[in-house]
């Protein structure tokens, strides 16, 4: 049976002691930031509760966030606001955030495990498809990213209560799209994402 430490143990067998895991939260939403996290855990650390953040309840993610922060040897969280996401595109922002996260660690990583993202780094990188469900280090990064982003979106919910950000976290749900049509496009909406792009274009056309 596969273990959440299999990839980490394979790195250790190669003599790679400091293993950084990278993941992001917020590639799909039409509002709010992209959050990219990098995490280094002790090689003897294990917690069976740590898994892909999407498979956990919000309460469990919050609890495990504290566990990860307490035990991590090092971590880095990078936040790209909606303007940066529009300017870079969400794929490039995710990639850049992971690369910057690894380079920004206090510890010098010997190897990197990423969630399906090839990275341009001077050290070995393994891009693992669905890595957040296969590697404890990537899963830990996914929890750090997801909790950080959800907290930001709850703050936006307090600023813009009619949009329901605390429920959909900026994803393009039916209620979110209805709110945009009723109340308008916000500064935190991503201009290059649909349906925001078309709504803005239509408004500009009407103004002309």
Protein backbone atom coordinates (compact mmCIF):
# COMPACT_ATOMS: atom_id res chain seq x y z
CA UNK A 1 0.00 0.00 0.00
CA UNK A 2 1.34 3.43 -0.98
CA UNK A 3 2.38 5.74 1.81
CA UNK A 4 2.25 9.54 1.87
CA UNK A 5 5.99 9.36 2.61
CA UNK A 6 7.02 7.17 -0.36
CA UNK A 7 8.33 10.05 -2.49
CA UNK A 8 10.11 11.61 0.48
CA UNK A 9 11.70 8.27 1.42
CA UNK A 10 12.91 7.80 -2.17
CA UNK A 11 14.61 11.22 -1.97
CA UNK A 12 16.24 10.33 1.35
CA UNK A 13 17.59 7.09 -0.16
CA UNK A 14 19.31 9.24 -2.80
CA UNK A 15 20.96 11.28 -0.04
CA UNK A 16 18.57 14.24 -0.39
CA UNK A 17 17.83 15.30 3.17
CA UNK A 18 16.01 18.63 2.83
CA UNK A 19 12.92 18.07 0.73
CA UNK A 20 10.64 20.97 -0.20
CA UNK A 21 7.03 20.41 -1.22
CA UNK A 22 5.13 22.96 -3.32
CA UNK A 23 1.46 23.52 -4.05
CA UNK A 24 -0.98 26.34 -4.71
CA UNK A 25 -4.57 27.32 -3.99
CA UNK A 26 -6.73 29.49 -6.18
CA UNK A 27 -6.04 28.66 -9.81
CA UNK A 28 -9.73 28.27 -10.67
CA UNK A 29 -11.48 31.22 -8.96
CA UNK A 30 -12.55 34.36 -10.82
CA UNK A 31 -11.86 36.54 -7.78
CA UNK A 32 -9.18 36.86 -5.14
CA UNK A 33 -5.52 35.89 -4.97
CA UNK A 34 -3.46 32.89 -5.94
CA UNK A 35 -1.57 31.54 -2.92
CA UNK A 36 1.54 29.40 -3.38
CA UNK A 37 3.13 27.55 -0.46
CA UNK A 38 6.43 25.74 -0.04
CA UNK A 39 7.06 23.53 2.98
CA UNK A 40 9.92 21.48 4.44
CA UNK A 41 8.99 18.85 7.04
CA UNK A 42 11.32 16.81 9.28
CA UNK A 43 12.20 13.48 7.65
CA UNK A 44 10.84 11.57 10.64
CA UNK A 45 7.56 13.51 10.71
CA UNK A 46 4.30 11.80 9.85
CA UNK A 47 0.67 12.65 10.50
CA UNK A 48 -1.93 10.48 8.81
CA UNK A 49 -4.45 13.32 8.92
CA UNK A 50 -2.42 15.36 6.41
CA UNK A 51 -3.80 14.87 2.90
CA UNK A 52 -4.93 16.79 -0.15
CA UNK A 53 -6.49 19.97 1.28
CA UNK A 54 -9.53 19.57 -0.99
CA UNK A 55 -10.39 16.30 0.76
CA UNK A 56 -10.44 17.90 4.22
CA UNK A 57 -13.11 19.93 5.96
CA UNK A 58 -12.37 23.58 6.69
CA UNK A 59 -12.15 22.79 10.41
CA UNK A 60 -9.59 20.01 9.81
CA UNK A 61 -7.54 22.22 7.49
CA UNK A 62 -7.38 24.97 10.12
CA UNK A 63 -6.27 22.47 12.78
CA UNK A 64 -3.64 20.89 10.52
CA UNK A 65 -2.39 24.32 9.44
CA UNK A 66 -1.29 24.89 13.04
CA UNK A 67 0.24 21.39 13.26
CA UNK A 68 2.24 21.99 10.07
CA UNK A 69 3.45 25.45 11.15
CA UNK A 70 4.52 23.99 14.50
CA UNK A 71 6.50 21.08 13.04
CA UNK A 72 7.80 22.49 9.73
CA UNK A 73 11.55 23.05 9.50
CA UNK A 74 10.86 25.86 7.05
CA UNK A 75 8.03 27.21 4.91
CA UNK A 76 7.22 30.08 2.59
CA UNK A 77 3.84 31.45 1.52
CA UNK A 78 3.62 33.74 -1.51
CA UNK A 79 0.45 35.64 -2.43
CA UNK A 80 -0.29 36.96 -5.93
CA UNK A 81 -3.22 39.35 -6.06
CA UNK A 82 -5.73 39.37 -8.92
CA UNK A 83 -3.69 41.96 -10.87
CA UNK A 84 -0.58 39.77 -10.79
CA UNK A 85 -2.63 36.73 -11.83
CA UNK A 86 -4.04 38.66 -14.80
CA UNK A 87 -0.62 39.99 -15.78
CA UNK A 88 1.33 36.73 -15.46
CA UNK A 89 -1.50 34.25 -16.18
CA UNK A 90 -2.39 31.78 -13.47
CA UNK A 91 -0.12 28.96 -14.68
CA UNK A 92 2.98 31.16 -14.81
CA UNK A 93 2.12 32.73 -11.44
CA UNK A 94 1.84 29.23 -9.91
CA UNK A 95 5.19 28.21 -11.43
CA UNK A 96 6.94 31.42 -10.43
CA UNK A 97 5.53 31.22 -6.91
CA UNK A 98 6.87 27.70 -6.43
CA UNK A 99 10.30 28.65 -7.76
CA UNK A 100 10.45 31.78 -5.61
CA UNK A 101 9.17 29.82 -2.63
CA UNK A 102 11.98 27.27 -2.86
CA UNK A 103 14.62 29.97 -3.39
CA UNK A 104 13.16 31.99 -0.52
CA UNK A 105 13.52 29.24 2.08
CA UNK A 106 16.04 29.77 4.85
CA UNK A 107 17.11 26.15 4.39
CA UNK A 108 18.70 25.15 1.08
CA UNK A 109 16.57 22.35 -0.34
CA UNK A 110 18.22 19.26 -1.83
CA UNK A 111 15.12 18.24 -3.78
CA UNK A 112 11.65 19.53 -4.62
CA UNK A 113 8.34 17.70 -4.93
CA UNK A 114 5.69 19.75 -6.73
CA UNK A 115 2.04 19.18 -7.47
CA UNK A 116 2.28 18.48 -11.22
CA UNK A 117 4.36 21.59 -11.94
CA UNK A 118 7.72 21.40 -13.76
CA UNK A 119 10.09 23.95 -12.23
CA UNK A 120 13.29 25.62 -13.41
CA UNK A 121 15.55 25.11 -10.42
CA UNK A 122 19.17 24.13 -9.88
CA UNK A 123 18.16 21.08 -7.82
CA UNK A 124 16.18 17.91 -8.67
CA UNK A 125 12.43 18.49 -9.09
CA UNK A 126 9.77 15.80 -9.31
CA UNK A 127 6.42 17.02 -10.63
CA UNK A 128 3.86 14.55 -9.30
CA UNK A 129 0.37 14.39 -10.80
CA UNK A 130 -2.14 14.68 -7.93
CA UNK A 131 0.89 15.05 -5.69
CA UNK A 132 -1.16 16.58 -2.89
CA UNK A 133 -2.78 13.14 -2.43
CA UNK A 134 0.50 11.19 -2.72
CA UNK A 135 3.14 13.21 -0.83
CA UNK A 136 2.90 14.46 2.75
CA UNK A 137 5.18 17.40 1.93
CA UNK A 138 3.05 18.55 -1.02
CA UNK A 139 -0.12 17.94 1.01
CA UNK A 140 1.25 20.10 3.83
CA UNK A 141 1.99 22.89 1.32
CA UNK A 142 -1.53 22.54 -0.09
CA UNK A 143 -3.03 23.01 3.38
CA UNK A 144 -0.88 26.09 4.07
CA UNK A 145 -1.93 27.60 0.74
CA UNK A 146 -5.62 26.72 1.04
CA UNK A 147 -6.04 27.96 4.62
CA UNK A 148 -4.19 31.20 3.85
CA UNK A 149 -6.38 31.85 0.82
CA UNK A 150 -9.63 30.95 2.59
CA UNK A 151 -8.80 33.41 5.37
CA UNK A 152 -8.25 36.16 2.79
CA UNK A 153 -11.57 35.34 1.11
CA UNK A 154 -13.39 35.51 4.45
CA UNK A 155 -11.97 39.01 4.88
CA UNK A 156 -13.31 39.91 1.43
CA UNK A 157 -16.68 38.48 2.46
CA UNK A 158 -16.81 41.01 5.30
CA UNK A 159 -16.04 43.81 2.80
CA UNK A 160 -18.47 42.59 0.13
CA UNK A 161 -21.13 40.51 1.97
CA UNK A 162 -23.57 40.44 -0.95
CA UNK A 163 -21.14 38.36 -3.08
CA UNK A 164 -20.95 35.36 -0.70
CA UNK A 165 -17.16 34.94 -0.76
CA UNK A 166 -17.11 33.00 2.52
CA UNK A 167 -19.11 30.25 0.81
CA UNK A 168 -17.65 29.95 -2.70
CA UNK A 169 -14.19 31.52 -2.02
CA UNK A 170 -14.26 33.29 -5.38
CA UNK A 171 -14.96 30.22 -7.53
CA UNK A 172 -17.42 30.77 -10.42
CA UNK A 173 -20.51 29.27 -8.79
CA UNK A 174 -23.99 30.15 -10.02
CA UNK A 175 -24.59 32.44 -7.01
CA UNK A 176 -21.25 34.19 -7.50
CA UNK A 177 -21.96 34.87 -11.18
CA UNK A 178 -25.45 36.09 -10.34
CA UNK A 179 -23.98 38.47 -7.75
CA UNK A 180 -21.53 39.88 -10.31
CA UNK A 181 -24.36 40.51 -12.77
CA UNK A 182 -26.47 42.17 -10.06
CA UNK A 183 -23.84 44.17 -8.15
CA UNK A 184 -21.02 44.56 -10.65
CA UNK A 185 -17.37 43.62 -11.07
CA UNK A 186 -15.19 44.23 -8.00
CA UNK A 187 -11.53 45.31 -7.85
CA UNK A 188 -10.67 41.78 -6.67
CA UNK A 189 -12.15 40.09 -9.76
CA UNK A 190 -9.72 38.69 -12.34
CA UNK A 191 -10.17 40.63 -15.57
CA UNK A 192 -8.78 37.90 -17.84
CA UNK A 193 -11.15 35.20 -16.51
CA UNK A 194 -14.62 34.46 -17.86
CA UNK A 195 -17.31 35.60 -17.32
CA UNK A 196 -15.60 38.73 -15.90
CA UNK A 197 -13.77 39.44 -19.16
CA UNK A 198 -17.01 39.36 -21.21
CA UNK A 199 -18.96 41.41 -18.66
CA UNK A 200 -16.31 44.16 -18.71
CA UNK A 201 -16.14 44.06 -22.52
CA UNK A 202 -19.93 44.37 -22.73
CA UNK A 203 -19.89 47.35 -20.33
CA UNK A 204 -17.20 49.07 -22.38
CA UNK A 205 -19.20 48.46 -25.59
CA UNK A 206 -22.31 49.97 -23.99
CA UNK A 207 -20.34 53.01 -22.83
CA UNK A 208 -19.11 53.55 -26.37
